[in-house]
N, C-alpha and C. Protein backbone atom coordinates (compact mmCIF):
# COMPACT_ATOMS: atom_id res chain seq x y z
N MET A 1 110.34 11.68 22.14
CA MET A 1 111.13 12.07 21.00
C MET A 1 111.10 13.59 20.81
N VAL A 2 109.93 14.18 21.02
CA VAL A 2 109.83 15.63 20.88
C VAL A 2 110.69 16.32 21.95
N ARG A 3 110.64 15.81 23.18
CA ARG A 3 111.44 16.39 24.26
C ARG A 3 112.92 16.31 23.91
N PHE A 4 113.37 15.17 23.36
CA PHE A 4 114.76 15.02 22.94
C PHE A 4 115.12 16.06 21.90
N HIS A 5 114.26 16.25 20.92
CA HIS A 5 114.49 17.23 19.86
C HIS A 5 114.63 18.64 20.46
N ILE A 6 113.72 19.00 21.34
CA ILE A 6 113.75 20.33 21.96
C ILE A 6 115.03 20.52 22.76
N ASN A 7 115.38 19.53 23.56
CA ASN A 7 116.59 19.64 24.39
C ASN A 7 117.85 19.68 23.54
N SER A 8 117.89 18.89 22.46
CA SER A 8 119.06 18.90 21.57
C SER A 8 119.21 20.26 20.90
N TYR A 9 118.10 20.81 20.42
CA TYR A 9 118.15 22.12 19.77
C TYR A 9 118.60 23.19 20.76
N GLU A 10 118.13 23.09 21.99
CA GLU A 10 118.54 24.05 23.02
C GLU A 10 120.04 23.95 23.29
N ARG A 11 120.58 22.74 23.29
CA ARG A 11 122.03 22.58 23.49
C ARG A 11 122.80 23.21 22.34
N VAL A 12 122.30 23.07 21.12
CA VAL A 12 122.95 23.71 19.96
C VAL A 12 122.95 25.23 20.15
N LEU A 13 121.82 25.79 20.58
CA LEU A 13 121.74 27.24 20.79
C LEU A 13 122.67 27.70 21.92
N GLU A 14 122.75 26.93 22.99
CA GLU A 14 123.64 27.28 24.11
C GLU A 14 125.09 27.26 23.67
N THR A 15 125.47 26.26 22.87
CA THR A 15 126.84 26.17 22.38
C THR A 15 127.14 27.30 21.40
N THR A 16 126.19 27.60 20.54
CA THR A 16 126.36 28.69 19.58
C THR A 16 126.54 30.02 20.30
N ALA A 17 125.90 30.20 21.43
CA ALA A 17 126.01 31.45 22.19
C ALA A 17 127.43 31.68 22.69
N LEU A 18 128.25 30.65 22.73
CA LEU A 18 129.64 30.78 23.16
C LEU A 18 130.54 31.36 22.08
N LEU A 19 130.05 31.40 20.85
CA LEU A 19 130.84 31.94 19.74
C LEU A 19 130.88 33.46 19.80
N SER A 20 131.99 34.03 19.36
CA SER A 20 132.06 35.48 19.21
C SER A 20 131.21 35.87 18.00
N GLY A 21 130.92 37.16 17.89
CA GLY A 21 130.15 37.64 16.73
C GLY A 21 130.83 37.30 15.42
N ASP A 22 132.16 37.39 15.41
CA ASP A 22 132.91 37.08 14.19
C ASP A 22 132.80 35.59 13.87
N GLU A 23 132.94 34.74 14.88
CA GLU A 23 132.84 33.30 14.65
C GLU A 23 131.44 32.90 14.17
N TYR A 24 130.45 33.57 14.70
CA TYR A 24 129.05 33.28 14.38
C TYR A 24 128.73 33.55 12.91
N ARG A 25 129.37 34.57 12.35
CA ARG A 25 129.09 34.95 10.95
C ARG A 25 130.22 34.58 9.98
N ARG A 26 131.33 34.05 10.49
CA ARG A 26 132.48 33.75 9.64
C ARG A 26 132.18 32.58 8.70
N PRO A 27 132.47 32.74 7.40
CA PRO A 27 132.28 31.61 6.47
C PRO A 27 133.16 30.44 6.88
N GLY A 28 132.64 29.26 6.69
CA GLY A 28 133.39 28.06 7.04
C GLY A 28 132.91 26.87 6.22
N PRO A 29 133.37 25.68 6.60
CA PRO A 29 133.05 24.48 5.81
C PRO A 29 131.67 23.88 6.15
N LEU A 30 130.72 24.71 6.45
CA LEU A 30 129.38 24.24 6.76
C LEU A 30 128.52 24.28 5.50
N ASP A 31 127.51 23.44 5.46
CA ASP A 31 126.64 23.39 4.27
C ASP A 31 125.99 24.73 3.96
N HIS A 32 125.71 25.52 4.99
CA HIS A 32 125.03 26.80 4.78
C HIS A 32 125.95 27.99 5.03
N GLY A 33 127.26 27.77 5.03
CA GLY A 33 128.22 28.86 5.05
C GLY A 33 128.77 29.25 6.40
N ASN A 34 127.92 29.44 7.40
CA ASN A 34 128.39 29.83 8.73
C ASN A 34 127.33 29.40 9.77
N PRO A 35 127.68 29.48 11.05
CA PRO A 35 126.71 29.05 12.07
C PRO A 35 125.38 29.80 11.99
N TYR A 36 125.41 31.09 11.70
CA TYR A 36 124.17 31.87 11.60
C TYR A 36 123.25 31.32 10.52
N GLU A 37 123.77 31.13 9.31
CA GLU A 37 122.96 30.63 8.20
C GLU A 37 122.49 29.19 8.47
N THR A 38 123.34 28.41 9.13
CA THR A 38 122.96 27.04 9.47
C THR A 38 121.80 27.03 10.47
N LEU A 39 121.86 27.90 11.49
CA LEU A 39 120.76 27.98 12.45
C LEU A 39 119.47 28.46 11.79
N LEU A 40 119.57 29.41 10.88
CA LEU A 40 118.38 29.85 10.15
C LEU A 40 117.76 28.68 9.39
N HIS A 41 118.61 27.88 8.76
CA HIS A 41 118.11 26.73 8.01
C HIS A 41 117.42 25.74 8.95
N VAL A 42 118.09 25.41 10.06
CA VAL A 42 117.53 24.44 11.01
C VAL A 42 116.21 24.96 11.59
N PHE A 43 116.20 26.23 11.99
CA PHE A 43 114.98 26.79 12.55
C PHE A 43 113.86 26.81 11.52
N GLY A 44 114.19 27.20 10.29
CA GLY A 44 113.18 27.24 9.23
C GLY A 44 112.58 25.87 8.96
N ALA A 45 113.42 24.84 8.92
CA ALA A 45 112.93 23.48 8.71
C ALA A 45 112.07 23.04 9.89
N ASP A 46 112.53 23.33 11.09
CA ASP A 46 111.79 22.99 12.30
C ASP A 46 110.43 23.70 12.32
N TRP A 47 110.44 24.96 11.97
CA TRP A 47 109.20 25.76 11.92
C TRP A 47 108.22 25.16 10.92
N GLY A 48 108.73 24.83 9.73
CA GLY A 48 107.87 24.26 8.69
C GLY A 48 107.22 22.96 9.13
N TRP A 49 107.98 22.07 9.74
CA TRP A 49 107.41 20.81 10.22
C TRP A 49 106.41 21.05 11.33
N ARG A 50 106.74 21.94 12.25
CA ARG A 50 105.80 22.22 13.35
C ARG A 50 104.48 22.76 12.81
N GLU A 51 104.55 23.69 11.88
CA GLU A 51 103.34 24.25 11.30
C GLU A 51 102.53 23.18 10.55
N PHE A 52 103.22 22.34 9.81
CA PHE A 52 102.54 21.26 9.10
C PHE A 52 101.83 20.32 10.07
N LEU A 53 102.51 19.95 11.15
CA LEU A 53 101.95 19.00 12.11
C LEU A 53 100.74 19.55 12.87
N ILE A 54 100.67 20.88 13.00
CA ILE A 54 99.49 21.44 13.67
C ILE A 54 98.42 21.87 12.67
N GLY A 55 98.65 21.56 11.39
CA GLY A 55 97.63 21.80 10.39
C GLY A 55 97.74 23.09 9.61
N ASN A 56 98.81 23.83 9.80
CA ASN A 56 99.03 25.07 9.03
C ASN A 56 99.98 24.77 7.88
N ASP A 57 99.43 24.53 6.73
CA ASP A 57 100.27 24.18 5.58
C ASP A 57 100.34 25.29 4.54
N ASP A 58 100.26 26.54 4.99
CA ASP A 58 100.30 27.66 4.04
C ASP A 58 101.72 28.09 3.68
N ASP A 59 102.74 27.42 4.22
CA ASP A 59 104.14 27.66 3.87
C ASP A 59 104.61 29.08 4.19
N SER A 60 104.04 29.69 5.24
CA SER A 60 104.47 31.05 5.61
C SER A 60 105.63 30.99 6.59
N ASP A 61 106.44 32.03 6.56
CA ASP A 61 107.57 32.15 7.48
C ASP A 61 107.10 32.74 8.81
N PRO A 62 107.87 32.48 9.88
CA PRO A 62 107.51 33.10 11.16
C PRO A 62 107.64 34.63 11.09
N GLU A 63 106.89 35.32 11.91
CA GLU A 63 106.95 36.78 11.95
C GLU A 63 108.38 37.24 12.25
N GLY A 64 108.87 38.19 11.47
CA GLY A 64 110.22 38.72 11.66
C GLY A 64 111.31 37.97 10.91
N TRP A 65 110.94 37.02 10.08
CA TRP A 65 111.90 36.21 9.34
C TRP A 65 112.55 36.98 8.22
N PRO A 66 113.84 36.84 7.94
CA PRO A 66 114.80 36.02 8.67
C PRO A 66 115.27 36.73 9.93
N PHE A 67 115.46 35.96 10.98
CA PHE A 67 115.85 36.54 12.26
C PHE A 67 117.28 37.07 12.19
N PRO A 68 117.52 38.27 12.72
CA PRO A 68 118.81 38.92 12.54
C PRO A 68 119.93 38.41 13.47
N ASP A 69 119.60 37.76 14.58
CA ASP A 69 120.64 37.37 15.53
C ASP A 69 120.21 36.16 16.35
N LEU A 70 121.13 35.66 17.16
CA LEU A 70 120.88 34.46 17.95
C LEU A 70 119.76 34.67 18.96
N ALA A 71 119.70 35.82 19.59
CA ALA A 71 118.64 36.08 20.57
C ALA A 71 117.26 35.98 19.93
N THR A 72 117.12 36.47 18.72
CA THR A 72 115.84 36.43 18.02
C THR A 72 115.51 35.00 17.58
N ILE A 73 116.53 34.24 17.18
CA ILE A 73 116.31 32.84 16.81
C ILE A 73 115.83 32.06 18.03
N ARG A 74 116.39 32.35 19.19
CA ARG A 74 116.03 31.64 20.42
C ARG A 74 114.65 31.99 20.95
N ALA A 75 114.21 33.21 20.78
CA ALA A 75 112.99 33.70 21.44
C ALA A 75 111.75 32.84 21.23
N PRO A 76 111.40 32.43 20.01
CA PRO A 76 110.17 31.65 19.84
C PRO A 76 110.22 30.27 20.48
N ARG A 77 111.40 29.75 20.76
CA ARG A 77 111.53 28.41 21.30
C ARG A 77 111.45 28.37 22.82
N ARG A 78 111.67 29.47 23.49
CA ARG A 78 111.71 29.45 24.95
C ARG A 78 110.47 28.88 25.63
N PRO A 79 109.26 29.22 25.20
CA PRO A 79 108.09 28.70 25.90
C PRO A 79 107.93 27.18 25.80
N THR A 80 108.56 26.53 24.82
CA THR A 80 108.35 25.10 24.64
C THR A 80 109.25 24.25 25.53
N ARG A 81 110.26 24.83 26.13
CA ARG A 81 111.22 24.06 26.94
C ARG A 81 110.77 24.05 28.39
N THR A 82 110.77 22.85 29.00
CA THR A 82 110.45 22.73 30.42
C THR A 82 111.55 22.03 31.15
């Protein structure tokens, strides 16, 4: 299940990388306004659960939060994918 989650998230990031800068930040009918804000939300929720599951329940954000662009959002996830 974890592998599925990681692979699914990676596919979302790969698809998002196909968007132009304007499309990535353009307001739309998404719950969080645009793809950028939606990815921040998804990553933040994912980060919170991961921290909780490994015993870190201090509710802190990852270093550099909020991440300014797609490359920065992707960086912490790269080591977990095989």
